[in-house]
Amino acid sequence: LNGVAALIIGRNNAEQVETLYVVSRLMLYPALFLLTAGIFIGAIW
């Protein structure tokens, strides 16, 4: 959804797109960690 928002407002406001870019990069780490942890917990189960 962050990507959709950035692509929609991309032409009008480069500063907001850059902010969304930073937020997306930061949120990727916990998302990927949780995905990996979920797969790992499923393997143990």
PDB file of all heavy atoms in Angstrom:
ATOM      1  N   LEU A   1       0.821  -1.208   0.000  1.00  0.00           N
ATOM      2  CA  LEU A   1       0.000   0.000   0.000  1.00  0.00           C
ATOM      3  C   LEU A   1       0.857   1.261   0.000  1.00  0.00           C
ATOM      4  O   LEU A   1       0.499   2.264  -0.618  1.00  0.00           O
ATOM      5  CB  LEU A   1      -0.950  -0.012   1.199  1.00  0.00           C
ATOM      6  CG  LEU A   1      -2.040  -1.074   1.160  1.00  0.00           C
ATOM      7  CD1 LEU A   1      -2.803  -1.123   2.476  1.00  0.00           C
ATOM      8  CD2 LEU A   1      -2.982  -0.832  -0.008  1.00  0.00           C
ATOM      9  N   ASN A   2       1.964   1.198   0.688  1.00  0.00           N
ATOM     10  CA  ASN A   2       2.923   2.304   0.685  1.00  0.00           C
ATOM     11  C   ASN A   2       3.444   2.527  -0.740  1.00  0.00           C
ATOM     12  O   ASN A   2       3.593   3.662  -1.187  1.00  0.00           O
ATOM     13  CB  ASN A   2       4.071   1.967   1.641  1.00  0.00           C
ATOM     14  CG  ASN A   2       4.774   3.177   2.166  1.00  0.00           C
ATOM     15  OD1 ASN A   2       4.259   4.279   2.104  1.00  0.00           O
ATOM     16  ND2 ASN A   2       5.956   2.968   2.690  1.00  0.00           N
ATOM     17  N   GLY A   3       3.715   1.439  -1.438  1.00  0.00           N
ATOM     18  CA  GLY A   3       4.164   1.527  -2.818  1.00  0.00           C
ATOM     19  C   GLY A   3       3.107   2.119  -3.734  1.00  0.00           C
ATOM     20  O   GLY A   3       3.403   2.947  -4.600  1.00  0.00           O
ATOM     21  N   VAL A   4       1.848   1.712  -3.534  1.00  0.00           N
ATOM     22  CA  VAL A   4       0.749   2.262  -4.329  1.00  0.00           C
ATOM     23  C   VAL A   4       0.642   3.766  -4.091  1.00  0.00           C
ATOM     24  O   VAL A   4       0.532   4.552  -5.044  1.00  0.00           O
ATOM     25  CB  VAL A   4      -0.587   1.556  -3.985  1.00  0.00           C
ATOM     26  CG1 VAL A   4      -1.771   2.288  -4.592  1.00  0.00           C
ATOM     27  CG2 VAL A   4      -0.562   0.117  -4.449  1.00  0.00           C
ATOM     28  N   ALA A   5       0.707   4.164  -2.817  1.00  0.00           N
ATOM     29  CA  ALA A   5       0.632   5.595  -2.497  1.00  0.00           C
ATOM     30  C   ALA A   5       1.778   6.363  -3.141  1.00  0.00           C
ATOM     31  O   ALA A   5       1.572   7.440  -3.706  1.00  0.00           O
ATOM     32  CB  ALA A   5       0.645   5.788  -0.975  1.00  0.00           C
ATOM     33  N   ALA A   6       2.970   5.811  -3.077  1.00  0.00           N
ATOM     34  CA  ALA A   6       4.134   6.486  -3.659  1.00  0.00           C
ATOM     35  C   ALA A   6       4.002   6.606  -5.174  1.00  0.00           C
ATOM     36  O   ALA A   6       4.369   7.636  -5.756  1.00  0.00           O
ATOM     37  CB  ALA A   6       5.410   5.737  -3.298  1.00  0.00           C
ATOM     38  N   LEU A   7       3.493   5.570  -5.813  1.00  0.00           N
ATOM     39  CA  LEU A   7       3.334   5.624  -7.268  1.00  0.00           C
ATOM     40  C   LEU A   7       2.239   6.607  -7.678  1.00  0.00           C
ATOM     41  O   LEU A   7       2.338   7.254  -8.721  1.00  0.00           O
ATOM     42  CB  LEU A   7       3.034   4.226  -7.816  1.00  0.00           C
ATOM     43  CG  LEU A   7       4.201   3.231  -7.720  1.00  0.00           C
ATOM     44  CD1 LEU A   7       3.742   1.838  -8.087  1.00  0.00           C
ATOM     45  CD2 LEU A   7       5.377   3.670  -8.575  1.00  0.00           C
ATOM     46  N   ILE A   8       1.209   6.755  -6.852  1.00  0.00           N
ATOM     47  CA  ILE A   8       0.132   7.694  -7.171  1.00  0.00           C
ATOM     48  C   ILE A   8       0.595   9.140  -7.007  1.00  0.00           C
ATOM     49  O   ILE A   8       0.336   9.983  -7.861  1.00  0.00           O
ATOM     50  CB  ILE A   8      -1.113   7.411  -6.302  1.00  0.00           C
ATOM     51  CG1 ILE A   8      -1.762   6.099  -6.751  1.00  0.00           C
ATOM     52  CG2 ILE A   8      -2.112   8.563  -6.376  1.00  0.00           C
ATOM     53  CD1 ILE A   8      -2.878   5.621  -5.854  1.00  0.00           C
ATOM     54  N   ILE A   9       1.292   9.432  -5.914  1.00  0.00           N
ATOM     55  CA  ILE A   9       1.708  10.822  -5.672  1.00  0.00           C
ATOM     56  C   ILE A   9       3.078  11.132  -6.272  1.00  0.00           C
ATOM     57  O   ILE A   9       3.553  12.251  -6.151  1.00  0.00           O
ATOM     58  CB  ILE A   9       1.722  11.154  -4.162  1.00  0.00           C
ATOM     59  CG1 ILE A   9       2.785  10.340  -3.430  1.00  0.00           C
ATOM     60  CG2 ILE A   9       0.355  10.978  -3.554  1.00  0.00           C
ATOM     61  CD1 ILE A   9       3.032  10.789  -2.024  1.00  0.00           C
ATOM     62  N   GLY A  10       3.677  10.155  -6.913  1.00  0.00           N
ATOM     63  CA  GLY A  10       5.039  10.292  -7.424  1.00  0.00           C
ATOM     64  C   GLY A  10       5.300  11.482  -8.306  1.00  0.00           C
ATOM     65  O   GLY A  10       6.364  12.097  -8.243  1.00  0.00           O
ATOM     66  N   ARG A  11       4.374  11.842  -9.126  1.00  0.00           N
ATOM     67  CA  ARG A  11       4.595  12.954 -10.055  1.00  0.00           C
ATOM     68  C   ARG A  11       4.507  14.305  -9.362  1.00  0.00           C
ATOM     69  O   ARG A  11       5.073  15.281  -9.821  1.00  0.00           O
ATOM     70  CB  ARG A  11       3.568  12.892 -11.178  1.00  0.00           C
ATOM     71  CG  ARG A  11       3.743  11.675 -12.041  1.00  0.00           C
ATOM     72  CD  ARG A  11       2.782  11.711 -13.212  1.00  0.00           C
ATOM     73  NE  ARG A  11       2.944  10.523 -14.010  1.00  0.00           N
ATOM     74  CZ  ARG A  11       2.116   9.501 -14.010  1.00  0.00           C
ATOM     75  NH1 ARG A  11       1.047   9.530 -13.259  1.00  0.00           N
ATOM     76  NH2 ARG A  11       2.341   8.457 -14.770  1.00  0.00           N
ATOM     77  N   ASN A  12       3.766  14.363  -8.274  1.00  0.00           N
ATOM     78  CA  ASN A  12       3.474  15.648  -7.657  1.00  0.00           C
ATOM     79  C   ASN A  12       4.418  16.042  -6.532  1.00  0.00           C
ATOM     80  O   ASN A  12       4.655  17.227  -6.328  1.00  0.00           O
ATOM     81  CB  ASN A  12       2.038  15.665  -7.123  1.00  0.00           C
ATOM     82  CG  ASN A  12       1.021  15.414  -8.218  1.00  0.00           C
ATOM     83  OD1 ASN A  12       1.297  15.689  -9.377  1.00  0.00           O
ATOM     84  ND2 ASN A  12      -0.128  14.886  -7.850  1.00  0.00           N
ATOM     85  N   ASN A  13       4.912  15.067  -5.777  1.00  0.00           N
ATOM     86  CA  ASN A  13       5.670  15.427  -4.591  1.00  0.00           C
ATOM     87  C   ASN A  13       6.821  14.446  -4.363  1.00  0.00           C
ATOM     88  O   ASN A  13       6.651  13.411  -3.717  1.00  0.00           O
ATOM     89  CB  ASN A  13       4.734  15.455  -3.376  1.00  0.00           C
ATOM     90  CG  ASN A  13       5.346  16.169  -2.200  1.00  0.00           C
ATOM     91  OD1 ASN A  13       6.567  16.235  -2.075  1.00  0.00           O
ATOM     92  ND2 ASN A  13       4.504  16.684  -1.333  1.00  0.00           N
ATOM     93  N   ALA A  14       7.990  14.799  -4.841  1.00  0.00           N
ATOM     94  CA  ALA A  14       9.161  13.929  -4.721  1.00  0.00           C
ATOM     95  C   ALA A  14       9.600  13.760  -3.272  1.00  0.00           C
ATOM     96  O   ALA A  14      10.116  12.705  -2.893  1.00  0.00           O
ATOM     97  CB  ALA A  14      10.308  14.484  -5.555  1.00  0.00           C
ATOM     98  N   GLU A  15       9.378  14.778  -2.456  1.00  0.00           N
ATOM     99  CA  GLU A  15       9.787  14.698  -1.045  1.00  0.00           C
ATOM    100  C   GLU A  15       8.978  13.642  -0.293  1.00  0.00           C
ATOM    101  O   GLU A  15       9.531  12.865   0.484  1.00  0.00           O
ATOM    102  CB  GLU A  15       9.615  16.066  -0.382  1.00  0.00           C
ATOM    103  CG  GLU A  15      10.171  16.113   1.027  1.00  0.00           C
ATOM    104  CD  GLU A  15      10.050  17.495   1.625  1.00  0.00           C
ATOM    105  OE1 GLU A  15      10.411  18.477   0.954  1.00  0.00           O
ATOM    106  OE2 GLU A  15       9.597  17.575   2.788  1.00  0.00           O
ATOM    107  N   GLN A  16       7.665  13.594  -0.537  1.00  0.00           N
ATOM    108  CA  GLN A  16       6.825  12.578   0.111  1.00  0.00           C
ATOM    109  C   GLN A  16       7.168  11.177  -0.393  1.00  0.00           C
ATOM    110  O   GLN A  16       7.145  10.219   0.373  1.00  0.00           O
ATOM    111  CB  GLN A  16       5.349  12.868  -0.122  1.00  0.00           C
ATOM    112  CG  GLN A  16       4.815  13.987   0.737  1.00  0.00           C
ATOM    113  CD  GLN A  16       3.325  14.186   0.537  1.00  0.00           C
ATOM    114  OE1 GLN A  16       2.770  13.815  -0.491  1.00  0.00           O
ATOM    115  NE2 GLN A  16       2.680  14.773   1.534  1.00  0.00           N
ATOM    116  N   VAL A  17       7.479  11.059  -1.669  1.00  0.00           N
ATOM    117  CA  VAL A  17       7.874   9.768  -2.229  1.00  0.00           C
ATOM    118  C   VAL A  17       9.155   9.284  -1.563  1.00  0.00           C
ATOM    119  O   VAL A  17       9.287   8.100  -1.229  1.00  0.00           O
ATOM    120  CB  VAL A  17       8.037   9.849  -3.760  1.00  0.00           C
ATOM    121  CG1 VAL A  17       8.680   8.584  -4.303  1.00  0.00           C
ATOM    122  CG2 VAL A  17       6.701  10.093  -4.421  1.00  0.00           C
ATOM    123  N   GLU A  18      10.092  10.181  -1.343  1.00  0.00           N
ATOM    124  CA  GLU A  18      11.346   9.826  -0.666  1.00  0.00           C
ATOM    125  C   GLU A  18      11.079   9.377   0.770  1.00  0.00           C
ATOM    126  O   GLU A  18      11.686   8.419   1.254  1.00  0.00           O
ATOM    127  CB  GLU A  18      12.314  11.011  -0.690  1.00  0.00           C
ATOM    128  CG  GLU A  18      13.678  10.698  -0.134  1.00  0.00           C
ATOM    129  CD  GLU A  18      14.442   9.656  -0.948  1.00  0.00           C
ATOM    130  OE1 GLU A  18      14.286   9.610  -2.186  1.00  0.00           O
ATOM    131  OE2 GLU A  18      15.205   8.882  -0.333  1.00  0.00           O
ATOM    132  N   THR A  19      10.163  10.050   1.449  1.00  0.00           N
ATOM    133  CA  THR A  19       9.792   9.659   2.807  1.00  0.00           C
ATOM    134  C   THR A  19       9.163   8.262   2.808  1.00  0.00           C
ATOM    135  O   THR A  19       9.498   7.419   3.655  1.00  0.00           O
ATOM    136  CB  THR A  19       8.807  10.672   3.420  1.00  0.00           C
ATOM    137  OG1 THR A  19       9.417  11.961   3.430  1.00  0.00           O
ATOM    138  CG2 THR A  19       8.418  10.288   4.832  1.00  0.00           C
ATOM    139  N   LEU A  20       8.268   8.007   1.862  1.00  0.00           N
ATOM    140  CA  LEU A  20       7.654   6.678   1.760  1.00  0.00           C
ATOM    141  C   LEU A  20       8.695   5.611   1.431  1.00  0.00           C
ATOM    142  O   LEU A  20       8.601   4.471   1.898  1.00  0.00           O
ATOM    143  CB  LEU A  20       6.548   6.683   0.703  1.00  0.00           C
ATOM    144  CG  LEU A  20       5.294   7.485   1.045  1.00  0.00           C
ATOM    145  CD1 LEU A  20       4.357   7.554  -0.154  1.00  0.00           C
ATOM    146  CD2 LEU A  20       4.591   6.904   2.251  1.00  0.00           C
ATOM    147  N   TYR A  21       9.684   5.983   0.655  1.00  0.00           N
ATOM    148  CA  TYR A  21      10.788   5.081   0.307  1.00  0.00           C
ATOM    149  C   TYR A  21      11.559   4.674   1.563  1.00  0.00           C
ATOM    150  O   TYR A  21      11.846   3.493   1.776  1.00  0.00           O
ATOM    151  CB  TYR A  21      11.685   5.782  -0.710  1.00  0.00           C
ATOM    152  CG  TYR A  21      12.903   5.024  -1.169  1.00  0.00           C
ATOM    153  CD1 TYR A  21      12.804   3.792  -1.788  1.00  0.00           C
ATOM    154  CD2 TYR A  21      14.176   5.577  -1.021  1.00  0.00           C
ATOM    155  CE1 TYR A  21      13.928   3.124  -2.241  1.00  0.00           C
ATOM    156  CE2 TYR A  21      15.301   4.914  -1.473  1.00  0.00           C
ATOM    157  CZ  TYR A  21      15.166   3.688  -2.073  1.00  0.00           C
ATOM    158  OH  TYR A  21      16.282   3.027  -2.518  1.00  0.00           O
ATOM    159  N   VAL A  22      11.855   5.651   2.393  1.00  0.00           N
ATOM    160  CA  VAL A  22      12.578   5.371   3.640  1.00  0.00           C
ATOM    161  C   VAL A  22      11.729   4.500   4.567  1.00  0.00           C
ATOM    162  O   VAL A  22      12.222   3.527   5.150  1.00  0.00           O
ATOM    163  CB  VAL A  22      12.991   6.692   4.341  1.00  0.00           C
ATOM    164  CG1 VAL A  22      13.532   6.431   5.729  1.00  0.00           C
ATOM    165  CG2 VAL A  22      14.009   7.443   3.495  1.00  0.00           C
ATOM    166  N   VAL A  23      10.440   4.826   4.678  1.00  0.00           N
ATOM    167  CA  VAL A  23       9.541   4.042   5.528  1.00  0.00           C
ATOM    168  C   VAL A  23       9.458   2.598   5.023  1.00  0.00           C
ATOM    169  O   VAL A  23       9.521   1.649   5.805  1.00  0.00           O
ATOM    170  CB  VAL A  23       8.142   4.695   5.596  1.00  0.00           C
ATOM    171  CG1 VAL A  23       7.130   3.762   6.248  1.00  0.00           C
ATOM    172  CG2 VAL A  23       8.201   6.009   6.336  1.00  0.00           C
ATOM    173  N   SER A  24       9.334   2.438   3.714  1.00  0.00           N
ATOM    174  CA  SER A  24       9.264   1.090   3.142  1.00  0.00           C
ATOM    175  C   SER A  24      10.528   0.293   3.415  1.00  0.00           C
ATOM    176  O   SER A  24      10.463  -0.890   3.742  1.00  0.00           O
ATOM    177  CB  SER A  24       9.033   1.158   1.633  1.00  0.00           C
ATOM    178  OG  SER A  24       7.719   1.514   1.348  1.00  0.00           O
ATOM    179  N   ARG A  25      11.661   0.944   3.255  1.00  0.00           N
ATOM    180  CA  ARG A  25      12.920   0.240   3.511  1.00  0.00           C
ATOM    181  C   ARG A  25      13.020  -0.178   4.967  1.00  0.00           C
ATOM    182  O   ARG A  25      13.491  -1.280   5.272  1.00  0.00           O
ATOM    183  CB  ARG A  25      14.104   1.131   3.123  1.00  0.00           C
ATOM    184  CG  ARG A  25      14.262   1.245   1.626  1.00  0.00           C
ATOM    185  CD  ARG A  25      15.527   1.969   1.198  1.00  0.00           C
ATOM    186  NE  ARG A  25      16.341   2.527   2.230  1.00  0.00           N
ATOM    187  CZ  ARG A  25      16.699   3.823   2.303  1.00  0.00           C
ATOM    188  NH1 ARG A  25      16.292   4.662   1.394  1.00  0.00           N
ATOM    189  NH2 ARG A  25      17.466   4.238   3.276  1.00  0.00           N
ATOM    190  N   LEU A  26      12.581   0.680   5.880  1.00  0.00           N
ATOM    191  CA  LEU A  26      12.647   0.348   7.305  1.00  0.00           C
ATOM    192  C   LEU A  26      11.655  -0.754   7.680  1.00  0.00           C
ATOM    193  O   LEU A  26      11.964  -1.622   8.506  1.00  0.00           O
ATOM    194  CB  LEU A  26      12.390   1.593   8.153  1.00  0.00           C
ATOM    195  CG  LEU A  26      13.484   2.641   8.144  1.00  0.00           C
ATOM    196  CD1 LEU A  26      13.041   3.874   8.917  1.00  0.00           C
ATOM    197  CD2 LEU A  26      14.777   2.085   8.737  1.00  0.00           C
ATOM    198  N   MET A  27      10.467  -0.731   7.092  1.00  0.00           N
ATOM    199  CA  MET A  27       9.447  -1.727   7.421  1.00  0.00           C
ATOM    200  C   MET A  27       9.749  -3.093   6.813  1.00  0.00           C
ATOM    201  O   MET A  27       9.230  -4.108   7.265  1.00  0.00           O
ATOM    202  CB  MET A  27       8.071  -1.248   6.949  1.00  0.00           C
ATOM    203  CG  MET A  27       7.559  -0.022   7.679  1.00  0.00           C
ATOM    204  SD  MET A  27       7.477  -0.243   9.466  1.00  0.00           S
ATOM    205  CE  MET A  27       6.188  -1.434   9.583  1.00  0.00           C
ATOM    206  N   LEU A  28      10.599  -3.109   5.789  1.00  0.00           N
ATOM    207  CA  LEU A  28      10.947  -4.380   5.162  1.00  0.00           C
ATOM    208  C   LEU A  28      11.677  -5.309   6.137  1.00  0.00           C
ATOM    209  O   LEU A  28      11.460  -6.521   6.128  1.00  0.00           O
ATOM    210  CB  LEU A  28      11.809  -4.134   3.920  1.00  0.00           C
ATOM    211  CG  LEU A  28      12.268  -5.372   3.155  1.00  0.00           C
ATOM    212  CD1 LEU A  28      11.063  -6.159   2.636  1.00  0.00           C
ATOM    213  CD2 LEU A  28      13.182  -4.976   2.011  1.00  0.00           C
ATOM    214  N   TYR A  29      12.508  -4.749   7.001  1.00  0.00           N
ATOM    215  CA  TYR A  29      13.285  -5.581   7.928  1.00  0.00           C
ATOM    216  C   TYR A  29      12.412  -6.366   8.900  1.00  0.00           C
ATOM    217  O   TYR A  29      12.550  -7.590   8.998  1.00  0.00           O
ATOM    218  CB  TYR A  29      14.322  -4.731   8.671  1.00  0.00           C
ATOM    219  CG  TYR A  29      15.421  -4.241   7.765  1.00  0.00           C
ATOM    220  CD1 TYR A  29      15.405  -2.943   7.259  1.00  0.00           C
ATOM    221  CD2 TYR A  29      16.459  -5.077   7.382  1.00  0.00           C
ATOM    222  CE1 TYR A  29      16.403  -2.493   6.409  1.00  0.00           C
ATOM    223  CE2 TYR A  29      17.464  -4.636   6.533  1.00  0.00           C
ATOM    224  CZ  TYR A  29      17.428  -3.350   6.056  1.00  0.00           C
ATOM    225  OH  TYR A  29      18.414  -2.908   5.206  1.00  0.00           O
ATOM    226  N   PRO A  30      11.494  -5.717   9.639  1.00  0.00           N
ATOM    227  CA  PRO A  30      10.653  -6.532  10.528  1.00  0.00           C
ATOM    228  C   PRO A  30       9.716  -7.466   9.761  1.00  0.00           C
ATOM    229  O   PRO A  30       9.441  -8.579  10.223  1.00  0.00           O
ATOM    230  CB  PRO A  30       9.867  -5.507  11.345  1.00  0.00           C
ATOM    231  CG  PRO A  30       9.981  -4.232  10.622  1.00  0.00           C
ATOM    232  CD  PRO A  30      11.241  -4.289   9.820  1.00  0.00           C
ATOM    233  N   ALA A  31       9.239  -7.038   8.594  1.00  0.00           N
ATOM    234  CA  ALA A  31       8.352  -7.892   7.801  1.00  0.00           C
ATOM    235  C   ALA A  31       9.081  -9.164   7.374  1.00  0.00           C
ATOM    236  O   ALA A  31       8.552 -10.272   7.517  1.00  0.00           O
ATOM    237  CB  ALA A  31       7.836  -7.134   6.575  1.00  0.00           C
ATOM    238  N   LEU A  32      10.276  -9.011   6.866  1.00  0.00           N
ATOM    239  CA  LEU A  32      11.051 -10.167   6.414  1.00  0.00           C
ATOM    240  C   LEU A  32      11.492 -11.028   7.594  1.00  0.00           C
ATOM    241  O   LEU A  32      11.490 -12.251   7.511  1.00  0.00           O
ATOM    242  CB  LEU A  32      12.256  -9.707   5.594  1.00  0.00           C
ATOM    243  CG  LEU A  32      13.003 -10.792   4.840  1.00  0.00           C
ATOM    244  CD1 LEU A  32      12.072 -11.542   3.901  1.00  0.00           C
ATOM    245  CD2 LEU A  32      14.154 -10.188   4.061  1.00  0.00           C
ATOM    246  N   PHE A  33      11.826 -10.395   8.703  1.00  0.00           N
ATOM    247  CA  PHE A  33      12.189 -11.152   9.898  1.00  0.00           C
ATOM    248  C   PHE A  33      11.007 -12.011  10.362  1.00  0.00           C
ATOM    249  O   PHE A  33      11.171 -13.198  10.666  1.00  0.00           O
ATOM    250  CB  PHE A  33      12.632 -10.217  11.035  1.00  0.00           C
ATOM    251  CG  PHE A  33      12.816 -10.929  12.340  1.00  0.00           C
ATOM    252  CD1 PHE A  33      13.960 -11.679  12.574  1.00  0.00           C
ATOM    253  CD2 PHE A  33      11.833 -10.887  13.312  1.00  0.00           C
ATOM    254  CE1 PHE A  33      14.130 -12.362  13.775  1.00  0.00           C
ATOM    255  CE2 PHE A  33      11.993 -11.570  14.509  1.00  0.00           C
ATOM    256  CZ  PHE A  33      13.141 -12.305  14.743  1.00  0.00           C
ATOM    257  N   LEU A  34       9.817 -11.407  10.428  1.00  0.00           N
ATOM    258  CA  LEU A  34       8.643 -12.158  10.873  1.00  0.00           C
ATOM    259  C   LEU A  34       8.284 -13.266   9.896  1.00  0.00           C
ATOM    260  O   LEU A  34       7.893 -14.360  10.307  1.00  0.00           O
ATOM    261  CB  LEU A  34       7.454 -11.212  11.070  1.00  0.00           C
ATOM    262  CG  LEU A  34       7.543 -10.300  12.282  1.00  0.00           C
ATOM    263  CD1 LEU A  34       6.449  -9.233  12.227  1.00  0.00           C
ATOM    264  CD2 LEU A  34       7.450 -11.096  13.570  1.00  0.00           C
ATOM    265  N   LEU A  35       8.407 -13.000   8.608  1.00  0.00           N
ATOM    266  CA  LEU A  35       8.139 -14.038   7.611  1.00  0.00           C
ATOM    267  C   LEU A  35       9.097 -15.214   7.785  1.00  0.00           C
ATOM    268  O   LEU A  35       8.683 -16.375   7.807  1.00  0.00           O
ATOM    269  CB  LEU A  35       8.257 -13.457   6.203  1.00  0.00           C
ATOM    270  CG  LEU A  35       7.975 -14.407   5.047  1.00  0.00           C
ATOM    271  CD1 LEU A  35       6.543 -14.914   5.098  1.00  0.00           C
ATOM    272  CD2 LEU A  35       8.252 -13.724   3.721  1.00  0.00           C
ATOM    273  N   THR A  36      10.364 -14.915   7.940  1.00  0.00           N
ATOM    274  CA  THR A  36      11.369 -15.962   8.137  1.00  0.00           C
ATOM    275  C   THR A  36      11.130 -16.710   9.445  1.00  0.00           C
ATOM    276  O   THR A  36      11.212 -17.943   9.493  1.00  0.00           O
ATOM    277  CB  THR A  36      12.780 -15.349   8.104  1.00  0.00           C
ATOM    278  OG1 THR A  36      12.931 -14.617   6.887  1.00  0.00           O
ATOM    279  CG2 THR A  36      13.848 -16.408   8.206  1.00  0.00           C
ATOM    280  N   ALA A  37      10.826 -15.965  10.508  1.00  0.00           N
ATOM    281  CA  ALA A  37      10.551 -16.594  11.804  1.00  0.00           C
ATOM    282  C   ALA A  37       9.316 -17.487  11.715  1.00  0.00           C
ATOM    283  O   ALA A  37       9.295 -18.588  12.280  1.00  0.00           O
ATOM    284  CB  ALA A  37      10.369 -15.532  12.881  1.00  0.00           C
ATOM    285  N   GLY A  38       8.288 -17.038  11.014  1.00  0.00           N
ATOM    286  CA  GLY A  38       7.078 -17.844  10.855  1.00  0.00           C
ATOM    287  C   GLY A  38       7.344 -19.141  10.118  1.00  0.00           C
ATOM    288  O   GLY A  38       6.825 -20.196  10.484  1.00  0.00           O
ATOM    289  N   ILE A  39       8.157 -19.061   9.075  1.00  0.00           N
ATOM    290  CA  ILE A  39       8.534 -20.271   8.338  1.00  0.00           C
ATOM    291  C   ILE A  39       9.339 -21.199   9.240  1.00  0.00           C
ATOM    292  O   ILE A  39       9.116 -22.417   9.269  1.00  0.00           O
ATOM    293  CB  ILE A  39       9.317 -19.908   7.063  1.00  0.00           C
ATOM    294  CG1 ILE A  39       8.409 -19.170   6.075  1.00  0.00           C
ATOM    295  CG2 ILE A  39       9.928 -21.144   6.419  1.00  0.00           C
ATOM    296  CD1 ILE A  39       9.149 -18.539   4.914  1.00  0.00           C
ATOM    297  N   PHE A  40      10.255 -20.643  10.002  1.00  0.00           N
ATOM    298  CA  PHE A  40      11.096 -21.429  10.911  1.00  0.00           C
ATOM    299  C   PHE A  40      10.247 -22.099  12.001  1.00  0.00           C
ATOM    300  O   PHE A  40      10.423 -23.287  12.286  1.00  0.00           O
ATOM    301  CB  PHE A  40      12.165 -20.523  11.529  1.00  0.00           C
ATOM    302  CG  PHE A  40      13.136 -21.238  12.403  1.00  0.00           C
ATOM    303  CD1 PHE A  40      14.126 -22.034  11.856  1.00  0.00           C
ATOM    304  CD2 PHE A  40      13.069 -21.120  13.788  1.00  0.00           C
ATOM    305  CE1 PHE A  40      15.030 -22.705  12.661  1.00  0.00           C
ATOM    306  CE2 PHE A  40      13.964 -21.774  14.598  1.00  0.00           C
ATOM    307  CZ  PHE A  40      14.952 -22.574  14.045  1.00  0.00           C
ATOM    308  N   ILE A  41       9.320 -21.359  12.589  1.00  0.00           N
ATOM    309  CA  ILE A  41       8.444 -21.928  13.623  1.00  0.00           C
ATOM    310  C   ILE A  41       7.578 -23.032  13.020  1.00  0.00           C
ATOM    311  O   ILE A  41       7.364 -24.084  13.638  1.00  0.00           O
ATOM    312  CB  ILE A  41       7.578 -20.827  14.271  1.00  0.00           C
ATOM    313  CG1 ILE A  41       8.463 -19.865  15.069  1.00  0.00           C
ATOM    314  CG2 ILE A  41       6.500 -21.426  15.167  1.00  0.00           C
ATOM    315  CD1 ILE A  41       7.784 -18.571  15.456  1.00  0.00           C
ATOM    316  N   GLY A  42       7.108 -22.822  11.798  1.00  0.00           N
ATOM    317  CA  GLY A  42       6.340 -23.858  11.111  1.00  0.00           C
ATOM    318  C   GLY A  42       7.160 -25.113  10.878  1.00  0.00           C
ATOM    319  O   GLY A  42       6.644 -26.233  10.980  1.00  0.00           O
ATOM    320  N   ALA A  43       8.433 -24.934  10.571  1.00  0.00           N
ATOM    321  CA  ALA A  43       9.307 -26.091  10.372  1.00  0.00           C
ATOM    322  C   ALA A  43       9.499 -26.867  11.678  1.00  0.00           C
ATOM    323  O   ALA A  43       9.482 -28.103  11.680  1.00  0.00           O
ATOM    324  CB  ALA A  43      10.654 -25.638   9.816  1.00  0.00           C
ATOM    325  N   ILE A  44       9.660 -26.148  12.778  1.00  0.00           N
ATOM    326  CA  ILE A  44       9.803 -26.822  14.078  1.00  0.00           C
ATOM    327  C   ILE A  44       8.514 -27.577  14.408  1.00  0.00           C
ATOM    328  O   ILE A  44       8.553 -28.735  14.854  1.00  0.00           O
ATOM    329  CB  ILE A  44      10.151 -25.804  15.184  1.00  0.00           C
ATOM    330  CG1 ILE A  44      11.541 -25.216  14.940  1.00  0.00           C
ATOM    331  CG2 ILE A  44      10.065 -26.440  16.563  1.00  0.00           C
ATOM    332  CD1 ILE A  44      11.882 -24.049  15.829  1.00  0.00           C
ATOM    333  N   TRP A  45       7.379 -26.936  14.190  1.00  0.00           N
ATOM    334  CA  TRP A  45       6.095 -27.584  14.437  1.00  0.00           C
ATOM    335  C   TRP A  45       5.930 -28.821  13.546  1.00  0.00           C
ATOM    336  O   TRP A  45       5.480 -29.873  14.002  1.00  0.00           O
ATOM    337  CB  TRP A  45       4.971 -26.576  14.208  1.00  0.00           C
ATOM    338  CG  TRP A  45       3.596 -27.152  14.267  1.00  0.00           C
ATOM    339  CD1 TRP A  45       3.042 -27.870  15.296  1.00  0.00           C
ATOM    340  CD2 TRP A  45       2.600 -27.072  13.261  1.00  0.00           C
ATOM    341  NE1 TRP A  45       1.756 -28.236  14.982  1.00  0.00           N
ATOM    342  CE2 TRP A  45       1.450 -27.752  13.741  1.00  0.00           C
ATOM    343  CE3 TRP A  45       2.539 -26.485  12.011  1.00  0.00           C
ATOM    344  CZ2 TRP A  45       0.290 -27.859  13.003  1.00  0.00           C
ATOM    345  CZ3 TRP A  45       1.368 -26.588  11.284  1.00  0.00           C
ATOM    346  CH2 TRP A  45       0.269 -27.267  11.769  1.00  0.00           C
TER     347      TRP A  45
END
